[in-house]
Amino acid sequence: MFLIPSINSYFRKNTLTTSNKDMGVIAKSNRELKLYYHPDSRIAVQSIAIAEATKAQKVLINLIEVKVTETQWAELSRLLNKQPSELINTDHPFIKKTLSDHPKLDENQALKVLAKNPEVLMHPIAMRGEKVIEVKGINDLMALQENDSKDAKLP
């Protein structure tokens, strides 16, 4: 596959940093609602407010503070049934400035970009048990709240 030179130079220059906390293997629990988000995302702020309303234990993963590894990004993309490159906002200024207007990223390159520059994540990702969704709108989180319904008091 032929790549644009700026993409190749980006991958040669950038190495993983250890300044952020490394996360372990992604654990799944029906009692936990995990939200992977970048705080600059408007929908992320709204999603956090919705997550706070659930009875599930909240695990808020701020991608500035917590480093998600390439392996974890691969697992998240697999659980979403998407290619890693589909999780990247190609209109993000970082992508346009550093790579190109229309980058063609293979799986490994996309995982490196997500691990090193999580601000390019297209949408926050929410997980509860085995269910994983991209949060494109605040109502999307309702799909993960069904486990709370047994606790709801009916009139």
C-alpha atoms as a PDB file:
ATOM      1  CA  MET A   1       0.000   0.000   0.000  1.00  0.00           C
ATOM      2  CA  PHE A   2       1.373   3.414  -0.952  1.00  0.00           C
ATOM      3  CA  LEU A   3       1.192   5.972   1.836  1.00  0.00           C
ATOM      4  CA  ILE A   4       1.494   9.716   1.732  1.00  0.00           C
ATOM      5  CA  PRO A   5       5.025  10.688   2.868  1.00  0.00           C
ATOM      6  CA  SER A   6       3.720  12.859   5.715  1.00  0.00           C
ATOM      7  CA  ILE A   7       1.909   9.852   7.165  1.00  0.00           C
ATOM      8  CA  ASN A   8       5.077   7.753   7.044  1.00  0.00           C
ATOM      9  CA  SER A   9       7.141  10.496   8.671  1.00  0.00           C
ATOM     10  CA  TYR A  10       4.529  10.899  11.403  1.00  0.00           C
ATOM     11  CA  PHE A  11       4.776   7.225  12.335  1.00  0.00           C
ATOM     12  CA  ARG A  12       8.586   7.229  12.295  1.00  0.00           C
ATOM     13  CA  LYS A  13       8.817  10.311  14.551  1.00  0.00           C
ATOM     14  CA  ASN A  14       6.170   9.425  17.111  1.00  0.00           C
ATOM     15  CA  THR A  15       6.724   6.814  19.754  1.00  0.00           C
ATOM     16  CA  LEU A  16       4.521   5.812  22.637  1.00  0.00           C
ATOM     17  CA  THR A  17       4.930   7.996  25.700  1.00  0.00           C
ATOM     18  CA  THR A  18       4.771   6.790  29.264  1.00  0.00           C
ATOM     19  CA  SER A  19       3.656  10.063  30.833  1.00  0.00           C
ATOM     20  CA  ASN A  20       0.058   8.869  31.207  1.00  0.00           C
ATOM     21  CA  LYS A  21      -1.113   5.955  33.312  1.00  0.00           C
ATOM     22  CA  ASP A  22      -1.208   2.707  31.336  1.00  0.00           C
ATOM     23  CA  MET A  23      -4.468   0.804  31.498  1.00  0.00           C
ATOM     24  CA  GLY A  24      -4.638  -2.954  31.886  1.00  0.00           C
ATOM     25  CA  VAL A  25      -6.879  -5.343  29.997  1.00  0.00           C
ATOM     26  CA  ILE A  26     -10.419  -4.057  29.447  1.00  0.00           C
ATOM     27  CA  ALA A  27     -12.613  -5.610  32.126  1.00  0.00           C
ATOM     28  CA  LYS A  28     -16.308  -6.016  31.437  1.00  0.00           C
ATOM     29  CA  SER A  29     -19.004  -5.853  34.097  1.00  0.00           C
ATOM     30  CA  ASN A  30     -22.762  -5.404  33.908  1.00  0.00           C
ATOM     31  CA  ARG A  31     -22.512  -3.358  37.104  1.00  0.00           C
ATOM     32  CA  GLU A  32     -20.130  -0.835  35.501  1.00  0.00           C
ATOM     33  CA  LEU A  33     -20.784   1.781  32.876  1.00  0.00           C
ATOM     34  CA  LYS A  34     -17.492   2.788  31.265  1.00  0.00           C
ATOM     35  CA  LEU A  35     -17.267   5.913  29.194  1.00  0.00           C
ATOM     36  CA  TYR A  36     -14.159   6.571  27.087  1.00  0.00           C
ATOM     37  CA  TYR A  37     -14.153  10.254  26.199  1.00  0.00           C
ATOM     38  CA  HIS A  38     -12.050  13.252  25.338  1.00  0.00           C
ATOM     39  CA  PRO A  39     -13.141  16.284  27.392  1.00  0.00           C
ATOM     40  CA  ASP A  40     -13.086  18.594  24.366  1.00  0.00           C
ATOM     41  CA  SER A  41     -16.070  16.718  22.924  1.00  0.00           C
ATOM     42  CA  ARG A  42     -19.435  18.422  23.475  1.00  0.00           C
ATOM     43  CA  ILE A  43     -21.284  15.100  23.428  1.00  0.00           C
ATOM     44  CA  ALA A  44     -18.847  13.719  26.017  1.00  0.00           C
ATOM     45  CA  VAL A  45     -19.851  16.358  28.564  1.00  0.00           C
ATOM     46  CA  GLN A  46     -23.527  15.547  27.992  1.00  0.00           C
ATOM     47  CA  SER A  47     -22.801  11.809  28.135  1.00  0.00           C
ATOM     48  CA  ILE A  48     -21.125  12.170  31.524  1.00  0.00           C
ATOM     49  CA  ALA A  49     -24.258  13.848  32.883  1.00  0.00           C
ATOM     50  CA  ILE A  50     -26.437  10.985  31.570  1.00  0.00           C
ATOM     51  CA  ALA A  51     -24.005   8.385  32.932  1.00  0.00           C
ATOM     52  CA  GLU A  52     -24.220  10.015  36.362  1.00  0.00           C
ATOM     53  CA  ALA A  53     -27.975   9.335  36.353  1.00  0.00           C
ATOM     54  CA  THR A  54     -27.542   5.557  36.014  1.00  0.00           C
ATOM     55  CA  LYS A  55     -27.470   3.219  38.986  1.00  0.00           C
ATOM     56  CA  ALA A  56     -24.427   1.478  37.555  1.00  0.00           C
ATOM     57  CA  GLN A  57     -20.980   2.209  38.913  1.00  0.00           C
ATOM     58  CA  LYS A  58     -19.432   4.853  36.654  1.00  0.00           C
ATOM     59  CA  VAL A  59     -15.944   4.502  35.252  1.00  0.00           C
ATOM     60  CA  LEU A  60     -15.168   7.712  33.389  1.00  0.00           C
ATOM     61  CA  ILE A  61     -12.052   7.346  31.256  1.00  0.00           C
ATOM     62  CA  ASN A  62     -10.745  10.776  30.357  1.00  0.00           C
ATOM     63  CA  LEU A  63      -8.433  10.119  27.426  1.00  0.00           C
ATOM     64  CA  ILE A  64      -6.177  13.027  28.416  1.00  0.00           C
ATOM     65  CA  GLU A  65      -5.477  11.485  31.818  1.00  0.00           C
ATOM     66  CA  VAL A  66      -5.582   7.760  31.032  1.00  0.00           C
ATOM     67  CA  LYS A  67      -3.593   6.179  28.238  1.00  0.00           C
ATOM     68  CA  VAL A  68      -5.542   3.568  26.279  1.00  0.00           C
ATOM     69  CA  THR A  69      -3.143   1.180  24.561  1.00  0.00           C
ATOM     70  CA  GLU A  70      -3.213   0.127  20.930  1.00  0.00           C
ATOM     71  CA  THR A  71      -4.365  -3.323  22.067  1.00  0.00           C
ATOM     72  CA  GLN A  72      -7.264  -1.792  23.971  1.00  0.00           C
ATOM     73  CA  TRP A  73      -8.242   0.384  20.999  1.00  0.00           C
ATOM     74  CA  ALA A  74      -8.177  -2.754  18.852  1.00  0.00           C
ATOM     75  CA  GLU A  75     -10.470  -4.522  21.322  1.00  0.00           C
ATOM     76  CA  LEU A  76     -12.866  -1.561  21.447  1.00  0.00           C
ATOM     77  CA  SER A  77     -13.035  -1.362  17.653  1.00  0.00           C
ATOM     78  CA  ARG A  78     -13.621  -5.128  17.451  1.00  0.00           C
ATOM     79  CA  LEU A  79     -16.427  -4.911  20.032  1.00  0.00           C
ATOM     80  CA  LEU A  80     -17.960  -2.077  18.004  1.00  0.00           C
ATOM     81  CA  ASN A  81     -17.582  -4.173  14.841  1.00  0.00           C
ATOM     82  CA  LYS A  82     -15.632  -1.356  13.180  1.00  0.00           C
ATOM     83  CA  GLN A  83     -12.193  -0.832  11.732  1.00  0.00           C
ATOM     84  CA  PRO A  84      -9.965   1.339  13.962  1.00  0.00           C
ATOM     85  CA  SER A  85      -9.796   3.971  11.212  1.00  0.00           C
ATOM     86  CA  GLU A  86     -13.589   4.340  11.457  1.00  0.00           C
ATOM     87  CA  LEU A  87     -13.181   5.618  15.025  1.00  0.00           C
ATOM     88  CA  ILE A  88     -11.045   8.547  13.841  1.00  0.00           C
ATOM     89  CA  ASN A  89     -12.487  11.935  12.975  1.00  0.00           C
ATOM     90  CA  THR A  90     -10.626  12.625   9.728  1.00  0.00           C
ATOM     91  CA  ASP A  91     -11.917  16.229   9.831  1.00  0.00           C
ATOM     92  CA  HIS A  92     -10.047  16.879  13.079  1.00  0.00           C
ATOM     93  CA  PRO A  93      -7.442  19.650  12.640  1.00  0.00           C
ATOM     94  CA  PHE A  94      -4.652  17.381  13.934  1.00  0.00           C
ATOM     95  CA  ILE A  95      -5.345  14.805  11.204  1.00  0.00           C
ATOM     96  CA  LYS A  96      -5.534  17.417   8.454  1.00  0.00           C
ATOM     97  CA  LYS A  97      -2.379  19.207   9.625  1.00  0.00           C
ATOM     98  CA  THR A  98      -0.236  16.170  10.458  1.00  0.00           C
ATOM     99  CA  LEU A  99      -1.361  13.538   7.978  1.00  0.00           C
ATOM    100  CA  SER A 100      -3.492  14.808   5.095  1.00  0.00           C
ATOM    101  CA  ASP A 101      -6.994  15.852   4.117  1.00  0.00           C
ATOM    102  CA  HIS A 102      -7.883  12.265   3.167  1.00  0.00           C
ATOM    103  CA  PRO A 103      -5.544   9.884   5.004  1.00  0.00           C
ATOM    104  CA  LYS A 104      -5.590   6.196   4.167  1.00  0.00           C
ATOM    105  CA  LEU A 105      -4.671   4.489   7.431  1.00  0.00           C
ATOM    106  CA  ASP A 106      -4.231   0.765   7.802  1.00  0.00           C
ATOM    107  CA  GLU A 107      -5.312  -0.881  11.063  1.00  0.00           C
ATOM    108  CA  ASN A 108      -1.942  -0.543  12.818  1.00  0.00           C
ATOM    109  CA  GLN A 109      -1.522   3.090  11.826  1.00  0.00           C
ATOM    110  CA  ALA A 110      -5.039   3.958  13.017  1.00  0.00           C
ATOM    111  CA  LEU A 111      -4.369   2.252  16.360  1.00  0.00           C
ATOM    112  CA  LYS A 112      -1.146   4.260  16.773  1.00  0.00           C
ATOM    113  CA  VAL A 113      -2.963   7.513  16.032  1.00  0.00           C
ATOM    114  CA  LEU A 114      -5.718   6.703  18.567  1.00  0.00           C
ATOM    115  CA  ALA A 115      -3.201   5.696  21.252  1.00  0.00           C
ATOM    116  CA  LYS A 116      -1.001   8.773  20.795  1.00  0.00           C
ATOM    117  CA  ASN A 117      -3.633  11.359  19.889  1.00  0.00           C
ATOM    118  CA  PRO A 118      -6.966  10.362  21.461  1.00  0.00           C
ATOM    119  CA  GLU A 119      -8.425  13.792  20.735  1.00  0.00           C
ATOM    120  CA  VAL A 120      -9.149  12.521  17.203  1.00  0.00           C
ATOM    121  CA  LEU A 121     -11.725  10.002  18.518  1.00  0.00           C
ATOM    122  CA  MET A 122     -14.904  10.526  16.502  1.00  0.00           C
ATOM    123  CA  HIS A 123     -17.398   9.793  19.316  1.00  0.00           C
ATOM    124  CA  PRO A 124     -17.189   8.829  22.981  1.00  0.00           C
ATOM    125  CA  ILE A 125     -17.419   5.069  23.525  1.00  0.00           C
ATOM    126  CA  ALA A 126     -19.617   3.589  26.244  1.00  0.00           C
ATOM    127  CA  MET A 127     -19.417   0.047  27.570  1.00  0.00           C
ATOM    128  CA  ARG A 128     -21.544  -1.956  29.980  1.00  0.00           C
ATOM    129  CA  GLY A 129     -20.842  -5.654  30.205  1.00  0.00           C
ATOM    130  CA  GLU A 130     -20.505  -7.006  26.685  1.00  0.00           C
ATOM    131  CA  LYS A 131     -22.427  -4.086  25.140  1.00  0.00           C
ATOM    132  CA  VAL A 132     -20.285  -1.395  23.558  1.00  0.00           C
ATOM    133  CA  ILE A 133     -21.615   1.613  21.647  1.00  0.00           C
ATOM    134  CA  GLU A 134     -20.419   4.840  20.109  1.00  0.00           C
ATOM    135  CA  VAL A 135     -22.220   7.737  21.756  1.00  0.00           C
ATOM    136  CA  LYS A 136     -23.343   9.897  18.855  1.00  0.00           C
ATOM    137  CA  GLY A 137     -26.227  11.426  20.818  1.00  0.00           C
ATOM    138  CA  ILE A 138     -27.113  11.482  24.493  1.00  0.00           C
ATOM    139  CA  ASN A 139     -30.039   9.118  23.994  1.00  0.00           C
ATOM    140  CA  ASP A 140     -27.616   6.419  22.836  1.00  0.00           C
ATOM    141  CA  LEU A 141     -26.660   5.769  26.466  1.00  0.00           C
ATOM    142  CA  MET A 142     -30.227   4.628  27.161  1.00  0.00           C
ATOM    143  CA  ALA A 143     -29.376   1.364  25.368  1.00  0.00           C
ATOM    144  CA  LEU A 144     -26.932   0.585  28.170  1.00  0.00           C
ATOM    145  CA  GLN A 145     -29.311   1.451  31.020  1.00  0.00           C
ATOM    146  CA  GLU A 146     -31.735  -1.436  30.540  1.00  0.00           C
ATOM    147  CA  ASN A 147     -30.064  -3.390  33.355  1.00  0.00           C
ATOM    148  CA  ASP A 148     -31.220  -0.682  35.773  1.00  0.00           C
ATOM    149  CA  SER A 149     -34.900  -1.176  34.916  1.00  0.00           C
ATOM    150  CA  LYS A 150     -35.344  -4.002  37.429  1.00  0.00           C
ATOM    151  CA  ASP A 151     -34.616  -1.468  40.172  1.00  0.00           C
ATOM    152  CA  ALA A 152     -37.188   1.009  38.944  1.00  0.00           C
ATOM    153  CA  LYS A 153     -40.252   1.382  41.138  1.00  0.00           C
ATOM    154  CA  LEU A 154     -43.478   1.090  39.182  1.00  0.00           C
ATOM    155  CA  PRO A 155     -46.530   3.151  40.254  1.00  0.00           C
END
